Structure formats: C-alpha cells, structure tokens
Amino acid sequence: MTRLNSELLSRLLCVVVFVVSAAAQTGQQMPIVEGESLSGSKIVLPEAAKGKVAVLVFGFTKASKEATKGWADKIFSDFGTQAGFDLYQLPVLESVPGFIRGMVISSMKKGVREDMRDHFVPILHGEAELKKFVSYKELDDAYLVVLDAAGQIVEQKHGPFSDAAYAQLRSDIQSMLSRQK
C-alpha cells in the first residue's frame, strides 16, 4: 500500500468514526414512559405511538402549564385529527406530594378538553431520568420530543410557545407525515 493510499484510508477511517459517533449521539433512546391517561387508559410510550409521527410535550412544574398548553393547543389544532399523528401531553408529577396528587389530577381533568384526555397522561415516576432525557434546564419550559413512525427521536426542543419556533416544528411534522403516505 502506498503512503498516499494509507493516508487516505486513515482519513477516511477518522471521518467514519466521527460520523458514527455523531449518529450515536443523536440516536438517543427514549426511556419507557408509563402512565394512565385522563380517560383511564394505560399508556406506554414510545410503544403507544409506534406507526405514527408523535409529539410528546413534557412539563415539570405547575407554571409550565402555560407553555405546554400553548404548544399542545397549536399542534392539536393543526394535526390532531390527521391520520398517522399522535400528540401526548405528559405533565410529570412525581415531585407532587402523594396526598394531593389525586386532587391535582382531578383538577387537570376538569381543565382538559374531553377530546384530548386519551393523550393527556400524568407521569408519576421517573422524573430524574426524564429530566436528563430532555436536557432539563428551565423550570417552566415545555419540553418537546418528536418521534418518527418507527418510534425514533428525530427532534427535541424546549421553551415557551412562539410562532417562529412553531413554524419550523410544523414544517418538520408535515414533512414526516407526507413521507408516510
């Protein structure tokens, strides 16, 4: 093997290692998330969303309700009835004291439209793992995870709802849905 070929092979190997490393970092696995929806159904994610493009909206504080509701309402209004799409709202309530959780969930149920209750799932366990998963930084932000039809994470973002941030998300969802057809 000539020196030039050896050098090219070495560079190619470095590029392959870099690409595989980058792919491994973005190919993060979603932890299993289990809970009971406000309509009483047991939900296990990402399994429940397989075969569909899904957006999961996590909130970790009472004040995050505004941000999560803003995102969920807009996403639901644009995609909620579209075949091949699911939206899950996932308030994480593990840190809420057990003796008032029932009241909190009951209050949530009263405030959630009936047509959204099947996909509104209070999460009572795994808060630390979920915070790590979504790269939790800001207390009152909404944390969004987009899954493709295979259940793979394709996008993550966090923050309050904004038209600019939503425009990109909407475009990404539409693109994934059009590839499903």
N, C-alpha and C. Protein backbone atom coordinates (compact mmCIF):
# COMPACT_ATOMS: atom_id res chain seq x y z
N MET A 1 0.86 -1.17 0.00
CA MET A 1 0.00 0.00 0.00
C MET A 1 0.90 1.23 0.00
N THR A 2 0.60 2.15 -0.87
CA THR A 2 1.41 3.35 -0.94
C THR A 2 1.11 4.26 0.22
N ARG A 3 2.01 5.18 0.42
CA ARG A 3 1.84 6.13 1.55
C ARG A 3 0.59 6.97 1.35
N LEU A 4 0.31 7.38 0.11
CA LEU A 4 -0.86 8.19 -0.19
C LEU A 4 -2.15 7.41 0.11
N ASN A 5 -2.20 6.16 -0.33
CA ASN A 5 -3.38 5.33 -0.06
C ASN A 5 -3.56 5.12 1.44
N SER A 6 -2.46 4.88 2.13
CA SER A 6 -2.52 4.69 3.57
C SER A 6 -3.03 5.94 4.27
N GLU A 7 -2.58 7.09 3.83
CA GLU A 7 -3.02 8.36 4.41
C GLU A 7 -4.51 8.60 4.12
N LEU A 8 -4.94 8.32 2.91
CA LEU A 8 -6.35 8.48 2.55
C LEU A 8 -7.23 7.53 3.36
N LEU A 9 -6.78 6.28 3.51
CA LEU A 9 -7.52 5.30 4.29
C LEU A 9 -7.62 5.74 5.75
N SER A 10 -6.56 6.29 6.28
CA SER A 10 -6.54 6.78 7.66
C SER A 10 -7.53 7.93 7.83
N ARG A 11 -7.56 8.86 6.89
CA ARG A 11 -8.50 9.99 6.96
C ARG A 11 -9.94 9.51 6.83
N LEU A 12 -10.15 8.58 5.91
CA LEU A 12 -11.49 8.05 5.73
C LEU A 12 -11.97 7.37 7.01
N LEU A 13 -11.09 6.61 7.64
CA LEU A 13 -11.44 5.95 8.89
C LEU A 13 -11.81 6.98 9.97
N CYS A 14 -11.07 8.09 10.04
CA CYS A 14 -11.38 9.15 11.01
C CYS A 14 -12.76 9.75 10.74
N VAL A 15 -13.07 9.97 9.46
CA VAL A 15 -14.38 10.52 9.10
C VAL A 15 -15.48 9.55 9.48
N VAL A 16 -15.29 8.26 9.20
CA VAL A 16 -16.29 7.25 9.54
C VAL A 16 -16.51 7.21 11.05
N VAL A 17 -15.45 7.23 11.82
CA VAL A 17 -15.56 7.23 13.28
C VAL A 17 -16.33 8.46 13.75
N PHE A 18 -16.05 9.62 13.19
CA PHE A 18 -16.74 10.85 13.55
C PHE A 18 -18.23 10.75 13.23
N VAL A 19 -18.57 10.27 12.03
CA VAL A 19 -19.97 10.17 11.61
C VAL A 19 -20.72 9.18 12.49
N VAL A 20 -20.12 8.03 12.75
CA VAL A 20 -20.77 7.03 13.60
C VAL A 20 -20.95 7.57 15.01
N SER A 21 -19.95 8.28 15.52
CA SER A 21 -20.05 8.87 16.85
C SER A 21 -21.17 9.90 16.90
N ALA A 22 -21.25 10.76 15.88
CA ALA A 22 -22.31 11.78 15.83
C ALA A 22 -23.67 11.13 15.73
N ALA A 23 -23.78 10.08 14.93
CA ALA A 23 -25.06 9.39 14.78
C ALA A 23 -25.47 8.74 16.10
N ALA A 24 -24.52 8.19 16.82
CA ALA A 24 -24.83 7.56 18.10
C ALA A 24 -25.34 8.59 19.10
N GLN A 25 -24.79 9.80 19.06
CA GLN A 25 -25.22 10.84 20.00
C GLN A 25 -26.63 11.30 19.69
N THR A 26 -26.98 11.44 18.40
CA THR A 26 -28.33 11.89 18.06
C THR A 26 -29.33 10.76 18.13
N GLY A 27 -28.88 9.51 18.11
CA GLY A 27 -29.76 8.37 18.16
C GLY A 27 -30.11 7.98 19.59
N GLN A 28 -30.26 8.96 20.45
CA GLN A 28 -30.59 8.73 21.85
C GLN A 28 -31.87 7.91 21.96
N GLN A 29 -31.87 6.97 22.88
CA GLN A 29 -33.04 6.15 23.12
C GLN A 29 -33.97 6.84 24.09
N MET A 30 -35.23 6.76 23.80
CA MET A 30 -36.22 7.33 24.70
C MET A 30 -36.48 6.35 25.85
N PRO A 31 -36.51 6.84 27.08
CA PRO A 31 -36.87 5.94 28.18
C PRO A 31 -38.34 5.54 28.06
N ILE A 32 -38.68 4.42 28.61
CA ILE A 32 -40.08 3.99 28.61
C ILE A 32 -40.84 4.86 29.60
N VAL A 33 -41.94 5.40 29.14
CA VAL A 33 -42.78 6.30 29.95
C VAL A 33 -44.15 5.64 30.08
N GLU A 34 -44.57 5.43 31.32
CA GLU A 34 -45.85 4.77 31.56
C GLU A 34 -46.75 5.65 32.43
N GLY A 35 -48.03 5.58 32.14
CA GLY A 35 -48.98 6.31 32.95
C GLY A 35 -50.40 5.98 32.53
N GLU A 36 -51.33 6.53 33.27
CA GLU A 36 -52.74 6.36 32.94
C GLU A 36 -53.27 7.68 32.41
N SER A 37 -53.88 7.64 31.23
CA SER A 37 -54.43 8.86 30.64
C SER A 37 -55.60 9.36 31.47
N LEU A 38 -56.00 10.58 31.23
CA LEU A 38 -57.13 11.14 31.97
C LEU A 38 -58.44 10.45 31.61
N SER A 39 -58.44 9.66 30.53
CA SER A 39 -59.64 8.89 30.19
C SER A 39 -59.59 7.48 30.79
N GLY A 40 -58.48 7.16 31.50
CA GLY A 40 -58.38 5.89 32.19
C GLY A 40 -57.63 4.79 31.45
N SER A 41 -57.05 5.08 30.30
CA SER A 41 -56.31 4.08 29.54
C SER A 41 -54.85 4.05 29.97
N LYS A 42 -54.28 2.83 30.02
CA LYS A 42 -52.86 2.71 30.31
C LYS A 42 -52.09 3.04 29.03
N ILE A 43 -51.09 3.91 29.16
CA ILE A 43 -50.27 4.33 28.02
C ILE A 43 -48.82 4.00 28.32
N VAL A 44 -48.15 3.37 27.37
CA VAL A 44 -46.73 3.08 27.47
C VAL A 44 -46.07 3.65 26.21
N LEU A 45 -45.22 4.63 26.42
CA LEU A 45 -44.52 5.27 25.30
C LEU A 45 -43.06 4.84 25.31
N PRO A 46 -42.44 4.71 24.16
CA PRO A 46 -42.89 5.12 22.84
C PRO A 46 -43.77 4.11 22.12
N GLU A 47 -44.00 2.93 22.73
CA GLU A 47 -44.76 1.87 22.06
C GLU A 47 -46.14 2.34 21.58
N ALA A 48 -46.86 3.10 22.38
CA ALA A 48 -48.21 3.53 22.01
C ALA A 48 -48.22 4.42 20.77
N ALA A 49 -47.09 5.03 20.47
CA ALA A 49 -47.02 5.94 19.32
C ALA A 49 -46.45 5.29 18.07
N LYS A 50 -46.02 4.04 18.17
CA LYS A 50 -45.40 3.37 17.01
C LYS A 50 -46.35 3.37 15.82
N GLY A 51 -45.77 3.61 14.66
CA GLY A 51 -46.55 3.64 13.43
C GLY A 51 -47.10 5.02 13.12
N LYS A 52 -46.85 5.97 14.01
CA LYS A 52 -47.33 7.33 13.82
C LYS A 52 -46.22 8.32 14.12
N VAL A 53 -46.30 9.48 13.53
CA VAL A 53 -45.46 10.60 13.94
C VAL A 53 -46.08 11.08 15.25
N ALA A 54 -45.27 11.32 16.25
CA ALA A 54 -45.81 11.72 17.55
C ALA A 54 -45.00 12.87 18.14
N VAL A 55 -45.72 13.76 18.80
CA VAL A 55 -45.08 14.82 19.56
C VAL A 55 -45.45 14.60 21.02
N LEU A 56 -44.42 14.55 21.86
CA LEU A 56 -44.61 14.40 23.29
C LEU A 56 -44.27 15.73 23.94
N VAL A 57 -45.19 16.26 24.73
CA VAL A 57 -44.98 17.55 25.38
C VAL A 57 -44.90 17.32 26.89
N PHE A 58 -43.70 17.49 27.44
CA PHE A 58 -43.46 17.30 28.87
C PHE A 58 -43.48 18.64 29.59
N GLY A 59 -44.03 18.64 30.80
CA GLY A 59 -43.95 19.78 31.70
C GLY A 59 -43.57 19.28 33.08
N PHE A 60 -42.74 20.05 33.78
CA PHE A 60 -42.23 19.58 35.07
C PHE A 60 -42.66 20.44 36.26
N THR A 61 -43.33 21.56 36.00
CA THR A 61 -43.79 22.42 37.09
C THR A 61 -45.22 22.88 36.81
N LYS A 62 -45.88 23.35 37.86
CA LYS A 62 -47.22 23.88 37.67
C LYS A 62 -47.20 25.07 36.71
N ALA A 63 -46.17 25.89 36.81
CA ALA A 63 -46.08 27.06 35.94
C ALA A 63 -45.78 26.70 34.48
N SER A 64 -45.31 25.47 34.23
CA SER A 64 -45.06 25.07 32.84
C SER A 64 -46.36 24.81 32.09
N LYS A 65 -47.48 24.83 32.81
CA LYS A 65 -48.78 24.59 32.18
C LYS A 65 -49.03 25.54 31.03
N GLU A 66 -48.67 26.80 31.20
CA GLU A 66 -48.90 27.79 30.14
C GLU A 66 -48.12 27.43 28.87
N ALA A 67 -46.85 27.09 29.03
CA ALA A 67 -46.02 26.75 27.86
C ALA A 67 -46.49 25.44 27.21
N THR A 68 -46.75 24.43 28.03
CA THR A 68 -47.16 23.14 27.45
C THR A 68 -48.52 23.25 26.77
N LYS A 69 -49.42 24.00 27.37
CA LYS A 69 -50.75 24.18 26.77
C LYS A 69 -50.64 24.95 25.46
N GLY A 70 -49.80 25.96 25.40
CA GLY A 70 -49.61 26.73 24.17
C GLY A 70 -49.16 25.85 23.02
N TRP A 71 -48.13 25.04 23.29
CA TRP A 71 -47.64 24.12 22.25
C TRP A 71 -48.70 23.10 21.88
N ALA A 72 -49.28 22.44 22.88
CA ALA A 72 -50.23 21.36 22.62
C ALA A 72 -51.47 21.85 21.88
N ASP A 73 -52.01 23.00 22.27
CA ASP A 73 -53.20 23.51 21.60
C ASP A 73 -52.93 23.78 20.12
N LYS A 74 -51.79 24.38 19.82
CA LYS A 74 -51.48 24.71 18.43
C LYS A 74 -51.21 23.44 17.61
N ILE A 75 -50.45 22.53 18.18
CA ILE A 75 -50.15 21.27 17.47
C ILE A 75 -51.45 20.49 17.25
N PHE A 76 -52.29 20.41 18.28
CA PHE A 76 -53.54 19.67 18.16
C PHE A 76 -54.46 20.30 17.12
N SER A 77 -54.51 21.62 17.09
CA SER A 77 -55.39 22.28 16.12
C SER A 77 -54.93 22.02 14.68
N ASP A 78 -53.63 21.88 14.47
CA ASP A 78 -53.12 21.65 13.11
C ASP A 78 -53.07 20.18 12.73
N PHE A 79 -52.83 19.28 13.68
CA PHE A 79 -52.59 17.88 13.34
C PHE A 79 -53.44 16.87 14.10
N GLY A 80 -54.21 17.32 15.08
CA GLY A 80 -54.91 16.42 15.98
C GLY A 80 -55.82 15.40 15.33
N THR A 81 -56.41 15.72 14.20
CA THR A 81 -57.32 14.78 13.55
C THR A 81 -56.68 14.10 12.34
N GLN A 82 -55.42 14.36 12.11
CA GLN A 82 -54.74 13.80 10.95
C GLN A 82 -54.32 12.36 11.19
N ALA A 83 -54.63 11.50 10.24
CA ALA A 83 -54.23 10.09 10.34
C ALA A 83 -52.70 10.00 10.40
N GLY A 84 -52.20 9.10 11.20
CA GLY A 84 -50.76 8.91 11.29
C GLY A 84 -50.07 9.87 12.23
N PHE A 85 -50.84 10.56 13.08
CA PHE A 85 -50.25 11.52 14.01
C PHE A 85 -50.82 11.33 15.41
N ASP A 86 -49.96 11.49 16.41
CA ASP A 86 -50.39 11.47 17.82
C ASP A 86 -49.70 12.61 18.57
N LEU A 87 -50.41 13.17 19.51
CA LEU A 87 -49.87 14.18 20.42
C LEU A 87 -50.13 13.69 21.84
N TYR A 88 -49.08 13.68 22.66
CA TYR A 88 -49.22 13.30 24.07
C TYR A 88 -48.75 14.44 24.94
N GLN A 89 -49.60 14.83 25.90
CA GLN A 89 -49.22 15.80 26.91
C GLN A 89 -48.87 15.01 28.17
N LEU A 90 -47.67 15.29 28.70
CA LEU A 90 -47.13 14.47 29.78
C LEU A 90 -46.65 15.34 30.94
N PRO A 91 -47.57 15.77 31.81
CA PRO A 91 -47.12 16.51 32.99
C PRO A 91 -46.46 15.53 33.97
N VAL A 92 -45.27 15.86 34.41
CA VAL A 92 -44.52 14.99 35.31
C VAL A 92 -44.82 15.43 36.75
N LEU A 93 -45.46 14.53 37.49
CA LEU A 93 -45.98 14.87 38.82
C LEU A 93 -45.31 14.11 39.96
N GLU A 94 -44.19 13.47 39.70
CA GLU A 94 -43.54 12.68 40.75
C GLU A 94 -43.24 13.51 42.00
N SER A 95 -42.85 14.77 41.82
CA SER A 95 -42.48 15.59 42.98
C SER A 95 -43.70 16.18 43.71
N VAL A 96 -44.89 15.99 43.15
CA VAL A 96 -46.11 16.45 43.84
C VAL A 96 -46.37 15.47 44.99
N PRO A 97 -46.54 15.97 46.21
CA PRO A 97 -46.78 15.06 47.34
C PRO A 97 -47.95 14.12 47.07
N GLY A 98 -47.75 12.86 47.43
CA GLY A 98 -48.74 11.82 47.16
C GLY A 98 -50.14 12.13 47.67
N PHE A 99 -50.23 12.79 48.83
CA PHE A 99 -51.55 13.04 49.41
C PHE A 99 -52.37 14.08 48.64
N ILE A 100 -51.75 14.84 47.72
CA ILE A 100 -52.54 15.79 46.92
C ILE A 100 -52.52 15.48 45.42
N ARG A 101 -51.80 14.43 45.03
CA ARG A 101 -51.75 14.08 43.60
C ARG A 101 -53.14 13.86 43.01
N GLY A 102 -53.98 13.15 43.73
CA GLY A 102 -55.34 12.88 43.24
C GLY A 102 -56.10 14.16 42.96
N MET A 103 -55.96 15.13 43.83
CA MET A 103 -56.63 16.42 43.62
C MET A 103 -56.05 17.14 42.42
N VAL A 104 -54.73 17.09 42.26
CA VAL A 104 -54.07 17.75 41.13
C VAL A 104 -54.55 17.12 39.82
N ILE A 105 -54.58 15.78 39.77
CA ILE A 105 -55.01 15.10 38.55
C ILE A 105 -56.48 15.38 38.27
N SER A 106 -57.30 15.40 39.31
CA SER A 106 -58.72 15.72 39.13
C SER A 106 -58.89 17.13 38.58
N SER A 107 -58.11 18.07 39.09
CA SER A 107 -58.16 19.44 38.59
C SER A 107 -57.72 19.51 37.13
N MET A 108 -56.67 18.75 36.79
CA MET A 108 -56.22 18.71 35.40
C MET A 108 -57.33 18.20 34.49
N LYS A 109 -57.98 17.14 34.93
CA LYS A 109 -59.03 16.53 34.11
C LYS A 109 -60.14 17.53 33.80
N LYS A 110 -60.48 18.33 34.79
CA LYS A 110 -61.52 19.34 34.58
C LYS A 110 -61.08 20.39 33.57
N GLY A 111 -59.78 20.65 33.49
CA GLY A 111 -59.27 21.68 32.60
C GLY A 111 -58.85 21.20 31.23
N VAL A 112 -58.92 19.89 30.97
CA VAL A 112 -58.50 19.34 29.68
C VAL A 112 -59.74 18.97 28.88
N ARG A 113 -59.77 19.43 27.64
CA ARG A 113 -60.90 19.11 26.76
C ARG A 113 -61.06 17.59 26.65
N GLU A 114 -62.29 17.15 26.57
CA GLU A 114 -62.57 15.72 26.52
C GLU A 114 -61.87 15.03 25.35
N ASP A 115 -61.79 15.69 24.20
CA ASP A 115 -61.16 15.07 23.03
C ASP A 115 -59.65 14.97 23.13
N MET A 116 -59.07 15.52 24.21
CA MET A 116 -57.62 15.43 24.41
C MET A 116 -57.24 14.53 25.59
N ARG A 117 -58.22 14.02 26.31
CA ARG A 117 -57.95 13.26 27.53
C ARG A 117 -57.29 11.90 27.28
N ASP A 118 -57.55 11.28 26.14
CA ASP A 118 -56.92 9.99 25.83
C ASP A 118 -55.41 10.10 25.74
N HIS A 119 -54.93 11.29 25.41
CA HIS A 119 -53.50 11.50 25.20
C HIS A 119 -52.89 12.48 26.21
N PHE A 120 -53.56 12.69 27.30
CA PHE A 120 -53.06 13.52 28.39
C PHE A 120 -52.73 12.56 29.52
N VAL A 121 -51.44 12.36 29.79
CA VAL A 121 -51.00 11.29 30.67
C VAL A 121 -50.10 11.83 31.79
N PRO A 122 -50.65 12.01 32.99
CA PRO A 122 -49.79 12.40 34.11
C PRO A 122 -48.75 11.31 34.39
N ILE A 123 -47.50 11.72 34.56
CA ILE A 123 -46.41 10.79 34.80
C ILE A 123 -46.02 10.89 36.27
N LEU A 124 -46.05 9.75 36.96
CA LEU A 124 -45.83 9.73 38.40
C LEU A 124 -44.48 9.17 38.81
N HIS A 125 -43.71 8.65 37.86
CA HIS A 125 -42.41 8.03 38.17
C HIS A 125 -41.38 8.40 37.10
N GLY A 126 -40.11 8.36 37.49
CA GLY A 126 -39.03 8.53 36.53
C GLY A 126 -38.66 9.97 36.22
N GLU A 127 -38.98 10.89 37.10
CA GLU A 127 -38.73 12.31 36.85
C GLU A 127 -37.26 12.60 36.57
N ALA A 128 -36.37 12.07 37.38
CA ALA A 128 -34.93 12.35 37.19
C ALA A 128 -34.46 11.87 35.82
N GLU A 129 -34.87 10.68 35.43
CA GLU A 129 -34.49 10.14 34.12
C GLU A 129 -35.07 10.99 32.99
N LEU A 130 -36.31 11.42 33.13
CA LEU A 130 -36.94 12.24 32.10
C LEU A 130 -36.27 13.61 31.99
N LYS A 131 -35.90 14.19 33.12
CA LYS A 131 -35.20 15.48 33.08
C LYS A 131 -33.87 15.34 32.35
N LYS A 132 -33.17 14.27 32.61
CA LYS A 132 -31.90 14.03 31.90
C LYS A 132 -32.17 13.84 30.41
N PHE A 133 -33.18 13.07 30.09
CA PHE A 133 -33.54 12.77 28.70
C PHE A 133 -33.84 14.03 27.89
N VAL A 134 -34.58 14.98 28.48
CA VAL A 134 -34.95 16.19 27.74
C VAL A 134 -33.96 17.33 27.94
N SER A 135 -32.86 17.06 28.63
CA SER A 135 -31.85 18.10 28.93
C SER A 135 -32.50 19.26 29.67
N TYR A 136 -33.18 18.92 30.73
CA TYR A 136 -33.93 19.88 31.55
C TYR A 136 -33.03 21.01 32.03
N LYS A 137 -33.45 22.25 31.76
CA LYS A 137 -32.70 23.42 32.20
C LYS A 137 -33.60 24.47 32.84
N GLU A 138 -34.67 24.79 32.16
CA GLU A 138 -35.55 25.88 32.59
C GLU A 138 -36.81 25.31 33.24
N LEU A 139 -37.05 25.71 34.47
CA LEU A 139 -38.17 25.18 35.26
C LEU A 139 -39.50 25.17 34.52
N ASP A 140 -39.88 26.28 33.97
CA ASP A 140 -41.25 26.45 33.49
C ASP A 140 -41.42 26.29 31.99
N ASP A 141 -40.41 25.73 31.32
CA ASP A 141 -40.49 25.49 29.88
C ASP A 141 -41.32 24.25 29.57
N ALA A 142 -41.79 24.20 28.35
CA ALA A 142 -42.33 22.96 27.78
C ALA A 142 -41.17 22.26 27.12
N TYR A 143 -41.13 20.95 27.22
CA TYR A 143 -40.08 20.14 26.60
C TYR A 143 -40.75 19.24 25.58
N LEU A 144 -40.36 19.39 24.31
CA LEU A 144 -40.98 18.64 23.22
C LEU A 144 -40.03 17.60 22.66
N VAL A 145 -40.58 16.42 22.40
CA VAL A 145 -39.84 15.34 21.78
C VAL A 145 -40.68 14.88 20.59
N VAL A 146 -40.07 14.83 19.41
CA VAL A 146 -40.76 14.39 18.21
C VAL A 146 -40.24 13.00 17.85
N LEU A 147 -41.17 12.08 17.66
CA LEU A 147 -40.83 10.71 17.28
C LEU A 147 -41.32 10.44 15.87
N ASP A 148 -40.52 9.70 15.11
CA ASP A 148 -40.98 9.30 13.79
C ASP A 148 -41.85 8.05 13.94
N ALA A 149 -42.35 7.53 12.83
CA ALA A 149 -43.26 6.39 12.87
C ALA A 149 -42.60 5.12 13.42
N ALA A 150 -41.28 5.07 13.39
CA ALA A 150 -40.56 3.92 13.95
C ALA A 150 -40.31 4.08 15.45
N GLY A 151 -40.73 5.21 16.01
CA GLY A 151 -40.53 5.47 17.43
C GLY A 151 -39.17 6.05 17.76
N GLN A 152 -38.45 6.49 16.74
CA GLN A 152 -37.13 7.07 16.95
C GLN A 152 -37.25 8.58 17.18
N ILE A 153 -36.40 9.11 18.03
CA ILE A 153 -36.38 10.54 18.31
C ILE A 153 -35.78 11.25 17.11
N VAL A 154 -36.51 12.21 16.57
CA VAL A 154 -35.99 12.96 15.43
C VAL A 154 -35.76 14.43 15.77
N GLU A 155 -36.34 14.88 16.87
CA GLU A 155 -36.18 16.28 17.24
C GLU A 155 -36.54 16.47 18.70
N GLN A 156 -35.82 17.38 19.34
CA GLN A 156 -36.14 17.78 20.71
C GLN A 156 -35.97 19.29 20.81
N LYS A 157 -36.84 19.93 21.55
CA LYS A 157 -36.73 21.36 21.80
C LYS A 157 -37.42 21.69 23.10
N HIS A 158 -37.11 22.88 23.61
CA HIS A 158 -37.81 23.32 24.82
C HIS A 158 -37.95 24.83 24.78
N GLY A 159 -38.92 25.29 25.53
CA GLY A 159 -39.16 26.73 25.64
C GLY A 159 -40.63 27.03 25.64
N PRO A 160 -40.95 28.30 25.79
CA PRO A 160 -42.34 28.70 25.68
C PRO A 160 -42.77 28.65 24.21
N PHE A 161 -44.06 28.61 23.98
CA PHE A 161 -44.55 28.61 22.60
C PHE A 161 -44.22 29.94 21.94
N SER A 162 -43.79 29.86 20.68
CA SER A 162 -43.63 31.05 19.85
C SER A 162 -43.98 30.68 18.43
N ASP A 163 -44.50 31.63 17.68
CA ASP A 163 -44.85 31.37 16.28
C ASP A 163 -43.64 30.97 15.46
N ALA A 164 -42.49 31.58 15.72
CA ALA A 164 -41.28 31.27 14.95
C ALA A 164 -40.83 29.84 15.21
N ALA A 165 -40.78 29.43 16.47
CA ALA A 165 -40.36 28.06 16.79
C ALA A 165 -41.38 27.06 16.27
N TYR A 166 -42.66 27.41 16.33
CA TYR A 166 -43.69 26.51 15.85
C TYR A 166 -43.64 26.34 14.34
N ALA A 167 -43.32 27.38 13.62
CA ALA A 167 -43.27 27.30 12.15
C ALA A 167 -42.32 26.19 11.70
N GLN A 168 -41.16 26.10 12.33
CA GLN A 168 -40.20 25.06 11.96
C GLN A 168 -40.71 23.68 12.37
N LEU A 169 -41.26 23.56 13.56
CA LEU A 169 -41.79 22.29 14.02
C LEU A 169 -42.92 21.82 13.10
N ARG A 170 -43.81 22.72 12.76
CA ARG A 170 -44.94 22.40 11.88
C ARG A 170 -44.44 21.87 10.54
N SER A 171 -43.45 22.53 9.99
CA SER A 171 -42.86 22.11 8.72
C SER A 171 -42.26 20.71 8.84
N ASP A 172 -41.55 20.46 9.93
CA ASP A 172 -40.93 19.16 10.15
C ASP A 172 -41.99 18.05 10.26
N ILE A 173 -43.06 18.32 11.00
CA ILE A 173 -44.13 17.34 11.17
C ILE A 173 -44.79 17.06 9.83
N GLN A 174 -45.12 18.11 9.09
CA GLN A 174 -45.75 17.94 7.78
C GLN A 174 -44.87 17.10 6.85
N SER A 175 -43.58 17.35 6.88
CA SER A 175 -42.65 16.59 6.05
C SER A 175 -42.66 15.11 6.42
N MET A 176 -42.62 14.82 7.71
CA MET A 176 -42.65 13.41 8.15
C MET A 176 -43.96 12.73 7.78
N LEU A 177 -45.06 13.45 7.94
CA LEU A 177 -46.37 12.87 7.61
C LEU A 177 -46.49 12.61 6.10
N SER A 178 -45.95 13.50 5.29
CA SER A 178 -46.05 13.31 3.84
C SER A 178 -45.20 12.12 3.39
N ARG A 179 -44.11 11.82 4.10
CA ARG A 179 -43.28 10.66 3.76
C ARG A 179 -43.98 9.35 4.14
N GLN A 180 -44.92 9.40 5.07
CA GLN A 180 -45.65 8.21 5.50
C GLN A 180 -46.62 7.72 4.45
N LYS A 181 -47.13 8.61 3.63
CA LYS A 181 -48.19 8.27 2.68
C LYS A 181 -47.70 7.49 1.52
